[in-house]
Amino acid sequence: MSEKLPVIVAGGGIGGLAAALALVRRGFKVLVLEQAAEIGEIGAGIQLGPNAFHAFDALGVGEKARGRAVYTDYMVMHDALDEYEVGKIPTGEAFIKRFGNPYAVIHRVDVHLSLLEGAQETGEVEFHTSTHVERVEQDDAGVTVICSGGKSFRGAALIGADGVRSVVRDQYVGDPARVTGHVVYRAVVDKADFPTDLQWNAASIWVGPNCHLVHYPLRGGEQYNVVVTFHSRGKEEWGVTEGSPEEVQSYFQDICPKARQLIDLPKSWKRWATADREPIGQWSFGRVTLLGDAAHPTTQYMAQGACMALEDAVTLGEALRVHDNDFAKAFDLYQRSRIARTARIVLSSREMGRIYHAKGVERLVRNDLWRGRSAERFYDAMEWLYGWNVDNCLARN
């Protein structure tokens, strides 16, 4: 009976659509439940490491994503107080040769669209919008997902890809969010309005005391992504609101004029009060498992949130392949393959935030960290992150 039931995916974001593609490739029909009125994405730019492109290829949408990405020449970090170049990592031919895929930047909407097109083209994914999951019941034959308004759906299994405020995680884990007190403002600026002296084909970051700024090109260089982050003076509640230009200005008084240009640009901002959660040692429960931000929400400092969701989906598909679609065994292998790696991202992201926002003597140490480091040594340090692919994604024990 359960073999004929669809697999249910809670959440129609990047992780949910990636999971749907992975499941279709294992022969399942998929039901995607999305609480929003339409399947879509908000936000601005995101960065894609080689690991993300390995995942796109494994999910069958590599060419779609590649066609919408901007390929950078390098990543660079500057001190926002004095313009000192802390580190610069080339991402050209040598980088691609080392990791088998490029580094790129892309609009979040374009990642989502590539996955959505792929899912729609299969003809095996059914979408239900305006559908809010309330709770899950499971038995030996499958799961029943009860939604608001009395609707319910029966499936062979459930993938909880319902984001940072996951209802599925809340039912099975019930842990609190960790509000960071760090606030992120994001905006997209047209090239015509972007300073010519900052129009670099690079993922660029300016790091300062309790703050940093990021910029890089999007959509063929016709737009630029602008992100600023600061430690809030007040007590923050996790969520997204409209931003205030006056608030942004008040946190960046001491940075150098070149970087200051960035905060004068956007006509409107979105404001994120950020949070993550402590890593957990179990996120699979019988025929239910978590994926993406529902499993391992992280801060943005490693630029790996979407990449981890894509990796999750590929690994889930591989675990199902190895265990011939036995959900309990596959979900256990999937979580064993992902828990340490994603926890490393969560914890490394916290530490990277500290490095970015160093002040006083710690700032001087930060600025000395990578002095004189060669590209190869940078690549060696990145091997654990960018060396992931479909062939090495599963746990060996």
Protein backbone atom coordinates (compact mmCIF):
# COMPACT_ATOMS: atom_id res chain seq x y z
CA MET A 1 0.00 0.00 0.00
CA SER A 2 2.67 2.49 1.04
CA GLU A 3 4.56 1.89 -2.21
CA LYS A 4 1.64 3.40 -4.14
CA LEU A 5 1.25 6.41 -1.88
CA PRO A 6 3.07 9.66 -2.72
CA VAL A 7 5.82 10.99 -0.51
CA ILE A 8 4.72 14.24 1.13
CA VAL A 9 7.08 17.21 1.33
CA ALA A 10 6.15 19.98 3.75
CA GLY A 11 7.49 23.20 2.26
CA GLY A 12 7.89 24.47 -1.29
CA GLY A 13 11.14 26.39 -0.86
CA ILE A 14 14.59 25.48 -2.16
CA GLY A 15 14.95 22.48 0.16
CA GLY A 16 11.45 21.19 -0.48
CA LEU A 17 11.73 21.38 -4.26
CA ALA A 18 15.19 19.78 -4.20
CA ALA A 19 13.77 16.97 -2.06
CA ALA A 20 10.88 16.54 -4.52
CA LEU A 21 13.33 16.16 -7.41
CA ALA A 22 15.41 13.62 -5.49
CA LEU A 23 12.29 11.60 -4.64
CA VAL A 24 11.01 11.59 -8.22
CA ARG A 25 14.38 10.23 -9.32
CA ARG A 26 13.78 7.35 -6.90
CA GLY A 27 10.45 6.56 -8.58
CA PHE A 28 8.05 8.31 -6.21
CA LYS A 29 5.17 10.62 -6.88
CA VAL A 30 5.46 13.67 -4.63
CA LEU A 31 2.95 15.92 -2.92
CA VAL A 32 4.35 19.35 -1.95
CA LEU A 33 2.40 21.24 0.73
CA GLU A 34 3.16 24.97 0.80
CA GLN A 35 1.58 27.36 3.28
CA ALA A 36 2.00 30.43 1.04
CA ALA A 37 -0.62 31.28 -1.56
CA GLU A 38 1.77 30.48 -4.40
CA ILE A 39 4.99 28.56 -4.93
CA GLY A 40 7.67 31.23 -4.93
CA GLU A 41 10.69 32.66 -3.16
CA ILE A 42 11.67 35.94 -1.56
CA GLY A 43 15.06 37.35 -0.65
CA ALA A 44 18.01 38.56 -2.63
CA GLY A 45 21.29 37.03 -3.74
CA ILE A 46 22.95 33.88 -2.47
CA GLN A 47 26.36 32.35 -3.04
CA LEU A 48 26.84 28.91 -4.56
CA GLY A 49 29.95 26.86 -3.93
CA PRO A 50 31.04 23.93 -6.13
CA ASN A 51 29.11 21.63 -3.77
CA ALA A 52 25.87 23.33 -4.83
CA PHE A 53 26.60 22.70 -8.52
CA HIS A 54 27.41 19.05 -7.79
CA ALA A 55 23.96 18.87 -6.16
CA PHE A 56 22.20 20.63 -9.06
CA ASP A 57 23.76 18.15 -11.47
CA ALA A 58 22.68 15.18 -9.35
CA LEU A 59 19.12 16.57 -9.27
CA GLY A 60 19.05 17.08 -13.04
CA VAL A 61 18.85 20.89 -13.08
CA GLY A 62 22.53 21.78 -13.45
CA GLU A 63 22.15 23.53 -16.78
CA LYS A 64 19.15 25.56 -15.64
CA ALA A 65 21.02 26.87 -12.60
CA ARG A 66 24.24 27.50 -14.52
CA GLY A 67 22.39 29.62 -17.06
CA ARG A 68 21.13 31.97 -14.34
CA ALA A 69 24.31 32.30 -12.26
CA VAL A 70 27.13 34.87 -12.35
CA TYR A 71 30.59 33.34 -12.14
CA THR A 72 32.98 35.28 -9.95
CA ASP A 73 36.69 35.83 -10.51
CA TYR A 74 37.52 35.84 -6.82
CA MET A 75 36.29 36.17 -3.24
CA VAL A 76 37.75 39.08 -1.28
CA MET A 77 37.64 40.39 2.29
CA HIS A 78 38.52 43.99 3.21
CA ASP A 79 38.72 45.68 6.58
CA ALA A 80 35.83 48.16 6.59
CA LEU A 81 37.76 50.69 8.69
CA ASP A 82 40.92 51.14 6.62
CA GLU A 83 40.30 49.19 3.35
CA TYR A 84 43.09 46.67 4.18
CA GLU A 85 42.77 43.52 2.03
CA VAL A 86 42.51 40.71 4.58
CA GLY A 87 42.31 37.89 2.05
CA LYS A 88 41.67 37.22 -1.62
CA ILE A 89 40.82 33.81 -3.10
CA PRO A 90 40.83 33.33 -6.89
CA THR A 91 37.82 31.37 -8.15
CA GLY A 92 38.86 31.00 -11.78
CA GLU A 93 40.31 28.03 -13.66
CA ALA A 94 42.54 26.71 -10.87
CA PHE A 95 39.60 26.74 -8.43
CA ILE A 96 37.32 24.95 -10.90
CA LYS A 97 40.00 22.37 -11.66
CA ARG A 98 40.48 21.69 -7.94
CA PHE A 99 36.80 21.33 -7.02
CA GLY A 100 35.22 20.25 -10.30
CA ASN A 101 32.71 23.09 -10.39
CA PRO A 102 32.69 26.89 -10.17
CA TYR A 103 31.91 29.42 -7.48
CA ALA A 104 28.97 31.61 -8.42
CA VAL A 105 26.44 34.12 -7.15
CA ILE A 106 22.77 34.06 -8.08
CA HIS A 107 19.43 35.50 -7.10
CA ARG A 108 17.59 33.21 -4.67
CA VAL A 109 14.52 33.43 -6.92
CA ASP A 110 16.56 32.01 -9.82
CA VAL A 111 17.68 29.00 -7.77
CA HIS A 112 14.08 28.35 -6.78
CA LEU A 113 12.87 28.76 -10.37
CA SER A 114 15.44 26.27 -11.68
CA LEU A 115 14.26 23.66 -9.17
CA LEU A 116 10.57 24.46 -9.75
CA GLU A 117 10.92 24.08 -13.52
CA GLY A 118 12.69 20.77 -12.99
CA ALA A 119 9.95 19.52 -10.67
CA GLN A 120 7.14 20.63 -12.99
CA GLU A 121 8.79 19.01 -16.00
CA THR A 122 8.75 15.59 -14.31
CA GLY A 123 4.96 15.55 -14.18
CA GLU A 124 5.27 13.63 -10.90
CA VAL A 125 5.05 16.53 -8.42
CA GLU A 126 1.67 17.86 -7.25
CA PHE A 127 1.51 21.19 -5.44
CA HIS A 128 -0.99 22.29 -2.80
CA THR A 129 -0.68 25.97 -1.83
CA SER A 130 -2.32 27.84 1.07
CA THR A 131 -1.86 24.60 3.01
CA HIS A 132 -0.53 24.93 6.55
CA VAL A 133 0.68 21.73 8.21
CA GLU A 134 -0.53 21.43 11.81
CA ARG A 135 0.54 17.95 12.89
CA VAL A 136 1.66 14.53 11.68
CA GLU A 137 0.42 11.05 12.52
CA GLN A 138 2.21 7.90 11.37
CA ASP A 139 1.72 4.16 11.43
CA ASP A 140 3.40 1.12 9.92
CA ALA A 141 1.94 1.80 6.46
CA GLY A 142 2.46 5.53 6.09
CA VAL A 143 1.85 9.03 7.42
CA THR A 144 -1.15 11.31 7.66
CA VAL A 145 -0.49 15.04 7.56
CA ILE A 146 -3.26 17.11 9.13
CA CYS A 147 -3.49 20.69 7.90
CA SER A 148 -5.48 23.76 8.90
CA GLY A 149 -9.09 23.88 7.78
CA GLY A 150 -9.53 20.16 8.35
CA LYS A 151 -7.62 19.02 5.27
CA SER A 152 -5.47 15.92 5.55
CA PHE A 153 -3.10 14.10 3.20
CA ARG A 154 -1.95 10.49 3.25
CA GLY A 155 1.55 9.58 2.15
CA ALA A 156 4.19 6.89 2.35
CA ALA A 157 6.52 9.24 4.25
CA LEU A 158 6.99 12.90 5.12
CA ILE A 159 9.96 15.17 4.46
CA GLY A 160 9.78 18.20 6.76
CA ALA A 161 11.36 20.92 4.63
CA ASP A 162 9.24 23.64 6.23
CA GLY A 163 12.05 26.05 7.06
CA VAL A 164 13.37 27.78 10.13
CA ARG A 165 9.96 27.77 11.83
CA SER A 166 9.34 24.12 11.05
CA VAL A 167 6.07 22.72 12.42
CA VAL A 168 7.38 19.19 11.82
CA ARG A 169 10.50 19.87 13.87
CA ASP A 170 8.43 21.46 16.59
CA GLN A 171 6.33 18.28 16.91
CA TYR A 172 9.25 15.84 16.98
CA VAL A 173 12.06 17.89 18.57
CA GLY A 174 10.43 20.93 20.20
CA ASP A 175 13.65 22.86 20.78
CA PRO A 176 13.84 26.66 21.02
CA ALA A 177 15.37 28.96 18.43
CA ARG A 178 18.60 30.78 19.35
CA VAL A 179 18.07 34.45 18.48
CA THR A 180 21.50 35.89 17.69
CA GLY A 181 20.87 39.61 18.11
CA HIS A 182 22.45 40.07 14.68
CA VAL A 183 20.32 41.94 12.16
CA VAL A 184 20.68 41.52 8.39
CA TYR A 185 19.48 44.05 5.83
CA ARG A 186 19.24 42.88 2.20
CA ALA A 187 18.54 44.75 -1.01
CA VAL A 188 19.11 44.50 -4.77
CA VAL A 189 20.42 47.57 -6.61
CA ASP A 190 20.47 48.17 -10.39
CA LYS A 191 23.91 48.42 -11.98
CA ALA A 192 23.23 52.00 -13.11
CA ASP A 193 22.88 53.03 -9.46
CA PHE A 194 25.84 51.00 -8.15
CA PRO A 195 29.24 52.69 -7.57
CA THR A 196 31.59 52.03 -10.47
CA ASP A 197 34.55 51.65 -8.11
CA LEU A 198 32.82 48.67 -6.46
CA GLN A 199 31.59 46.92 -9.61
CA TRP A 200 33.85 43.93 -9.05
CA ASN A 201 33.10 40.48 -10.42
CA ALA A 202 33.60 39.05 -6.97
CA ALA A 203 31.90 37.96 -3.78
CA SER A 204 33.09 40.88 -1.66
CA ILE A 205 32.89 41.45 2.08
CA TRP A 206 33.87 44.46 4.21
CA VAL A 207 34.35 43.44 7.83
CA GLY A 208 34.13 45.86 10.75
CA PRO A 209 33.57 46.01 14.51
CA ASN A 210 30.21 44.33 15.19
CA CYS A 211 29.22 44.68 11.54
CA HIS A 212 29.98 43.76 7.94
CA LEU A 213 28.83 44.55 4.39
CA VAL A 214 28.61 42.24 1.36
CA HIS A 215 28.17 42.95 -2.34
CA TYR A 216 28.31 40.98 -5.57
CA PRO A 217 26.76 41.04 -9.06
CA LEU A 218 23.51 39.32 -10.04
CA ARG A 219 21.70 38.54 -13.29
CA GLY A 220 24.51 39.03 -15.74
CA GLY A 221 25.88 41.97 -13.79
CA GLU A 222 22.74 44.06 -14.39
CA GLN A 223 22.04 44.16 -10.65
CA TYR A 224 24.06 44.01 -7.45
CA ASN A 225 23.22 42.30 -4.21
CA VAL A 226 23.84 44.41 -1.10
CA VAL A 227 23.77 42.91 2.40
CA VAL A 228 24.68 44.63 5.66
CA THR A 229 24.79 42.98 9.08
CA PHE A 230 25.14 44.53 12.54
CA HIS A 231 24.75 43.66 16.21
CA SER A 232 21.48 45.18 17.34
CA ARG A 233 21.41 47.54 20.33
CA GLY A 234 17.98 46.26 21.31
CA LYS A 235 16.41 42.89 22.07
CA GLU A 236 15.47 41.20 18.82
CA GLU A 237 12.58 38.93 17.94
CA TRP A 238 13.20 36.41 15.18
CA GLY A 239 11.52 37.51 11.94
CA VAL A 240 11.45 39.59 8.74
CA THR A 241 10.17 43.19 8.56
CA GLU A 242 10.53 46.26 6.39
CA GLY A 243 13.87 47.98 6.97
CA SER A 244 14.66 51.53 8.00
CA PRO A 245 17.42 53.42 6.14
CA GLU A 246 17.93 55.54 9.26
CA GLU A 247 18.60 52.45 11.39
CA VAL A 248 21.20 51.15 8.93
CA GLN A 249 22.96 54.50 8.80
CA SER A 250 23.19 54.63 12.59
CA TYR A 251 25.28 51.44 12.77
CA PHE A 252 27.92 52.27 10.15
CA GLN A 253 29.24 55.69 11.14
CA ASP A 254 32.91 54.71 11.45
CA ILE A 255 33.51 52.69 8.31
CA CYS A 256 35.59 53.96 5.38
CA PRO A 257 33.93 56.10 2.67
CA LYS A 258 34.36 53.43 -0.03
CA ALA A 259 32.33 50.87 1.90
CA ARG A 260 29.89 53.49 3.21
CA GLN A 261 28.62 54.00 -0.32
CA LEU A 262 26.83 50.66 -0.04
CA ILE A 263 24.43 51.71 2.70
CA ASP A 264 23.39 54.86 0.83
CA LEU A 265 22.20 52.89 -2.23
CA PRO A 266 19.00 50.93 -1.60
CA LYS A 267 15.64 52.65 -1.90
CA SER A 268 14.10 49.91 0.24
CA TRP A 269 15.47 47.23 2.53
CA LYS A 270 14.19 43.97 3.99
CA ARG A 271 15.24 43.45 7.61
CA TRP A 272 15.98 39.99 9.03
CA ALA A 273 16.49 39.43 12.76
CA THR A 274 18.47 36.20 12.58
CA ALA A 275 18.45 32.98 14.56
CA ASP A 276 19.79 29.47 14.40
CA ARG A 277 19.32 26.38 16.58
CA GLU A 278 21.68 24.12 18.46
CA PRO A 279 22.67 21.11 16.31
CA ILE A 280 20.72 17.94 17.12
CA GLY A 281 21.75 14.30 16.95
CA GLN A 282 18.46 12.96 15.56
CA TRP A 283 16.11 14.38 12.98
CA SER A 284 14.57 11.19 11.53
CA PHE A 285 11.58 9.62 13.27
CA GLY A 286 10.22 6.51 11.59
CA ARG A 287 8.70 7.64 8.30
CA VAL A 288 9.36 11.32 9.00
CA THR A 289 12.62 13.19 8.49
CA LEU A 290 13.76 16.82 8.37
CA LEU A 291 15.66 18.61 5.62
CA GLY A 292 17.30 22.00 5.07
CA ASP A 293 16.60 24.80 7.54
CA ALA A 294 14.10 22.60 9.37
CA ALA A 295 16.95 20.23 10.24
CA HIS A 296 19.87 22.62 10.75
CA PRO A 297 19.02 26.34 10.60
CA THR A 298 22.20 28.40 10.48
CA THR A 299 23.35 31.99 10.39
CA GLN A 300 24.54 33.36 7.07
CA TYR A 301 28.27 33.72 7.74
CA MET A 302 29.34 30.58 5.85
CA ALA A 303 27.01 31.38 2.90
CA GLN A 304 25.94 27.74 2.91
CA GLY A 305 22.28 27.60 3.95
CA ALA A 306 20.85 26.84 0.50
CA CYS A 307 23.85 24.69 -0.41
CA MET A 308 23.24 22.47 2.63
CA ALA A 309 19.58 22.00 1.70
CA LEU A 310 20.61 20.93 -1.81
CA GLU A 311 23.17 18.51 -0.38
CA ASP A 312 20.52 17.12 1.98
CA ALA A 313 18.19 16.34 -0.90
CA VAL A 314 20.85 14.53 -2.92
CA THR A 315 21.98 12.55 0.12
CA LEU A 316 18.39 11.60 0.92
CA GLY A 317 17.94 10.29 -2.61
CA GLU A 318 21.18 8.30 -2.42
CA ALA A 319 20.18 6.80 0.95
CA LEU A 320 16.87 5.68 -0.56
CA ARG A 321 18.74 4.15 -3.48
CA VAL A 322 21.12 2.20 -1.24
CA HIS A 323 18.26 0.88 0.91
CA ASP A 324 15.90 0.20 -2.00
CA ASN A 325 13.37 2.81 -0.84
CA ASP A 326 13.08 1.44 2.71
CA PHE A 327 12.21 4.68 4.49
CA ALA A 328 13.27 3.83 8.03
CA LYS A 329 16.69 2.53 6.97
CA ALA A 330 17.21 5.26 4.39
CA PHE A 331 16.22 8.07 6.76
CA ASP A 332 18.64 6.74 9.36
CA LEU A 333 21.51 6.59 6.84
CA TYR A 334 20.59 10.06 5.56
CA GLN A 335 20.76 11.65 9.01
CA ARG A 336 24.00 9.82 9.91
CA SER A 337 25.50 11.15 6.68
CA ARG A 338 24.42 14.73 7.35
CA ILE A 339 24.39 15.50 11.08
CA ALA A 340 28.11 16.10 11.68
CA ARG A 341 28.61 18.02 8.43
CA THR A 342 25.65 20.34 8.90
CA ALA A 343 26.51 20.85 12.59
CA ARG A 344 29.99 21.89 11.47
CA ILE A 345 28.37 24.49 9.21
CA VAL A 346 26.19 25.84 12.05
CA LEU A 347 29.11 26.06 14.49
CA SER A 348 31.60 27.35 11.90
CA SER A 349 29.12 30.03 10.88
CA ARG A 350 28.93 31.29 14.46
CA GLU A 351 32.73 31.41 14.63
CA MET A 352 32.99 33.13 11.24
CA GLY A 353 30.59 35.79 12.50
CA ARG A 354 32.98 36.44 15.38
CA ILE A 355 35.93 36.72 12.95
CA TYR A 356 34.06 39.09 10.66
CA HIS A 357 32.97 41.34 13.52
CA ALA A 358 36.25 41.40 15.45
CA LYS A 359 37.28 44.62 17.15
CA GLY A 360 40.30 45.88 19.09
CA VAL A 361 43.21 43.42 19.22
CA GLU A 362 41.02 40.62 17.83
CA ARG A 363 40.60 42.71 14.68
CA LEU A 364 44.39 42.91 14.32
CA VAL A 365 44.65 39.13 14.72
CA ARG A 366 41.90 38.65 12.11
CA ASN A 367 43.73 40.90 9.66
CA ASP A 368 46.89 38.80 10.13
CA LEU A 369 45.23 35.41 9.74
CA TRP A 370 45.71 34.91 6.02
CA ARG A 371 48.60 37.24 5.28
CA GLY A 372 50.70 35.77 2.47
CA ARG A 373 48.53 32.67 2.10
CA SER A 374 48.64 31.15 -1.40
CA ALA A 375 45.57 30.16 -3.40
CA GLU A 376 46.45 26.49 -2.95
CA ARG A 377 46.51 26.83 0.82
CA PHE A 378 43.10 28.50 0.73
CA TYR A 379 41.84 25.64 -1.43
CA ASP A 380 43.25 23.07 1.00
CA ALA A 381 41.34 24.75 3.83
CA MET A 382 38.13 24.62 1.76
CA GLU A 383 38.43 20.97 0.75
CA TRP A 384 36.11 19.72 3.50
CA LEU A 385 33.39 22.07 2.29
CA TYR A 386 33.68 22.20 -1.48
CA GLY A 387 34.91 18.63 -1.96
CA TRP A 388 31.43 17.21 -1.30
CA ASN A 389 29.74 15.37 -4.17
CA VAL A 390 27.23 12.61 -4.87
CA ASP A 391 29.93 9.93 -4.78
CA ASN A 392 31.12 10.73 -1.24
CA CYS A 393 27.89 11.98 0.35
CA LEU A 394 26.92 8.86 2.31
CA ALA A 395 28.33 7.83 5.67
CA ARG A 396 30.70 4.88 5.41
CA ASN A 397 29.70 3.26 8.71
